[in-house]
Amino acid sequence: MTQIKNFTRCTFLILGVLFVFAATPVLADKTTYQSDGVAINGYDPVAYFVDSAAVKGVATLQYTWNGTKWQFANQKNLQTFKADPKKYAPKFGGYCAYAVSKGYTAPTDPDAWSIVDGELYLNYSKSVRTRWQQDTNGNIVQGNANWPGLRADLTK
């Protein structure tokens, strides 16, 4: 009889824990800079690579990845992103690459961008991008060193 009571208690405990986890909403990945809930202010991340331009996406071509909505200018870019999102998503969660290299986060201007060694970097403004480009490699090294701590702070 005691074994049945213990089994019943254990079953209810497990079911209770599972219910709590199932009822808890999944939190969005705060490590991606978003404006109005959309990455890169709605600009198409693939277009930076294929068109060498900042191209505005459309809300009807949207995909959620990593808790963030991404918009695309055309169906081909959407499918390309879906196939390998990490390849096209901006470094440092889409936060300003120069700011991250200096140890803090800042929003970005979709028109202030660079692709270095196949990676997309965004900056706060075109003038900040100019500052960042004065030592691109050094800023990337420092940004890579700073990002894990900044990312951890963003998810708290």
Protein backbone atom coordinates (compact mmCIF):
# COMPACT_ATOMS: atom_id res chain seq x y z
CA MET A 1 0.00 0.00 0.00
CA THR A 2 2.85 2.39 0.86
CA GLN A 3 4.45 1.73 -2.51
CA ILE A 4 1.22 2.64 -4.31
CA LYS A 5 0.92 5.90 -2.32
CA ASN A 6 4.56 6.78 -3.09
CA PHE A 7 4.04 5.94 -6.76
CA THR A 8 0.89 8.10 -6.87
CA ARG A 9 2.64 11.02 -5.14
CA CYS A 10 5.60 10.75 -7.50
CA THR A 11 3.29 10.61 -10.54
CA PHE A 12 1.41 13.73 -9.39
CA LEU A 13 4.68 15.55 -8.70
CA ILE A 14 6.03 14.75 -12.16
CA LEU A 15 2.75 15.76 -13.80
CA GLY A 16 2.74 19.00 -11.80
CA VAL A 17 6.28 19.87 -12.89
CA LEU A 18 5.45 19.09 -16.51
CA PHE A 19 2.33 21.28 -16.30
CA VAL A 20 4.34 24.22 -14.95
CA PHE A 21 6.87 23.94 -17.80
CA ALA A 22 4.13 23.55 -20.41
CA ALA A 23 2.26 26.58 -19.08
CA THR A 24 5.38 28.78 -18.96
CA PRO A 25 5.63 30.96 -22.08
CA VAL A 26 8.81 30.64 -24.10
CA LEU A 27 10.81 33.85 -23.78
CA ALA A 28 12.12 35.51 -26.92
CA ASP A 29 15.88 35.51 -27.40
CA LYS A 30 16.77 38.95 -26.04
CA THR A 31 20.14 38.67 -27.72
CA THR A 32 18.78 39.85 -31.05
CA TYR A 33 18.26 43.59 -31.33
CA GLN A 34 14.66 44.18 -32.35
CA SER A 35 12.67 47.23 -33.30
CA ASP A 36 8.94 46.68 -32.92
CA GLY A 37 9.66 42.96 -32.47
CA VAL A 38 11.38 42.63 -35.85
CA ALA A 39 15.10 42.10 -36.45
CA ILE A 40 17.10 44.72 -38.38
CA ASN A 41 14.12 47.10 -38.41
CA GLY A 42 12.47 44.81 -40.96
CA TYR A 43 15.38 44.72 -43.41
CA ASP A 44 16.17 41.52 -45.29
CA PRO A 45 19.36 39.93 -43.85
CA VAL A 46 20.00 37.88 -47.01
CA ALA A 47 19.87 40.96 -49.26
CA TYR A 48 23.06 42.31 -47.70
CA PHE A 49 24.84 39.27 -49.14
CA VAL A 50 23.09 38.76 -52.48
CA ASP A 51 22.26 42.37 -53.42
CA SER A 52 25.08 44.13 -51.54
CA ALA A 53 22.42 46.52 -50.27
CA ALA A 54 20.13 47.20 -47.35
CA VAL A 55 16.73 46.12 -48.69
CA LYS A 56 13.51 46.47 -46.72
CA GLY A 57 11.62 43.22 -46.19
CA VAL A 58 7.84 42.89 -46.19
CA ALA A 59 5.62 41.68 -43.36
CA THR A 60 4.01 39.02 -45.54
CA LEU A 61 7.40 37.33 -45.99
CA GLN A 62 8.29 36.78 -42.37
CA TYR A 63 10.01 33.96 -40.51
CA THR A 64 10.55 33.52 -36.78
CA TRP A 65 13.96 32.22 -35.78
CA ASN A 66 15.59 32.36 -32.36
CA GLY A 67 12.52 34.08 -30.92
CA THR A 68 12.81 36.95 -33.39
CA LYS A 69 10.81 37.87 -36.49
CA TRP A 70 12.84 38.33 -39.67
CA GLN A 71 11.41 39.90 -42.83
CA PHE A 72 12.45 39.33 -46.43
CA ALA A 73 12.17 41.14 -49.74
CA ASN A 74 11.32 37.99 -51.70
CA GLN A 75 10.52 34.31 -51.30
CA LYS A 76 13.98 33.20 -52.46
CA ASN A 77 15.69 35.18 -49.69
CA LEU A 78 13.25 33.78 -47.13
CA GLN A 79 14.04 30.20 -48.21
CA THR A 80 17.77 30.94 -48.26
CA PHE A 81 17.60 32.23 -44.68
CA LYS A 82 15.51 29.27 -43.50
CA ALA A 83 18.16 26.89 -44.88
CA ASP A 84 21.00 28.49 -42.87
CA PRO A 85 19.92 31.37 -40.59
CA LYS A 86 23.24 31.58 -38.74
CA LYS A 87 25.00 32.35 -42.01
CA TYR A 88 22.85 35.46 -42.65
CA ALA A 89 21.96 36.75 -39.19
CA PRO A 90 24.12 39.70 -38.13
CA LYS A 91 26.94 39.14 -35.67
CA PHE A 92 26.56 40.21 -32.06
CA GLY A 93 22.81 39.67 -32.13
CA GLY A 94 22.34 42.57 -34.53
CA TYR A 95 23.61 45.09 -31.97
CA CYS A 96 26.13 47.73 -33.01
CA ALA A 97 29.44 45.98 -33.71
CA TYR A 98 31.44 49.03 -32.60
CA ALA A 99 29.54 49.28 -29.31
CA VAL A 100 30.05 45.56 -28.63
CA SER A 101 33.77 45.99 -29.30
CA LYS A 102 33.78 48.71 -26.61
CA GLY A 103 31.85 46.59 -24.10
CA TYR A 104 28.24 47.72 -24.39
CA THR A 105 25.24 47.30 -26.69
CA ALA A 106 23.53 49.88 -28.88
CA PRO A 107 20.79 49.75 -31.53
CA THR A 108 21.65 49.81 -35.22
CA ASP A 109 20.85 51.57 -38.47
CA PRO A 110 20.19 49.00 -41.24
CA ASP A 111 22.03 51.26 -43.71
CA ALA A 112 25.23 51.19 -41.60
CA TRP A 113 26.50 47.71 -42.40
CA SER A 114 29.58 45.79 -43.47
CA ILE A 115 30.32 42.23 -44.49
CA VAL A 116 33.71 41.01 -43.29
CA ASP A 117 34.88 37.45 -43.94
CA GLY A 118 31.32 36.39 -44.78
CA GLU A 119 29.80 37.86 -41.61
CA LEU A 120 27.27 40.71 -41.44
CA TYR A 121 28.06 43.50 -38.97
CA LEU A 122 25.69 46.38 -38.22
CA ASN A 123 26.50 49.73 -36.64
CA TYR A 124 24.61 52.47 -34.84
CA SER A 125 25.11 54.94 -37.70
CA LYS A 126 27.24 55.45 -40.78
CA SER A 127 29.62 57.69 -38.82
CA VAL A 128 30.05 54.99 -36.18
CA ARG A 129 30.64 52.46 -38.98
CA THR A 130 33.44 54.68 -40.24
CA ARG A 131 34.98 54.63 -36.74
CA TRP A 132 34.53 50.84 -36.54
CA GLN A 133 36.21 50.38 -39.94
CA GLN A 134 39.35 52.21 -38.78
CA ASP A 135 40.33 48.95 -37.02
CA THR A 136 37.84 46.36 -38.28
CA ASN A 137 39.92 43.31 -37.35
CA GLY A 138 40.79 44.64 -33.89
CA ASN A 139 37.18 45.59 -33.26
CA ILE A 140 35.99 42.13 -34.35
CA VAL A 141 38.49 40.44 -32.02
CA GLN A 142 37.43 42.67 -29.11
CA GLY A 143 33.74 42.26 -29.97
CA ASN A 144 34.12 38.47 -29.99
CA ALA A 145 35.75 38.69 -26.56
CA ASN A 146 33.03 40.99 -25.17
CA TRP A 147 29.95 39.36 -26.73
CA PRO A 148 29.56 36.31 -24.44
CA GLY A 149 29.36 38.53 -21.33
CA LEU A 150 27.07 41.07 -23.01
CA ARG A 151 24.86 38.28 -24.32
CA ALA A 152 24.60 36.78 -20.84
CA ASP A 153 23.59 40.19 -19.45
CA LEU A 154 20.86 40.51 -22.09
CA THR A 155 19.30 37.17 -21.18
CA LYS A 156 19.01 37.94 -17.45
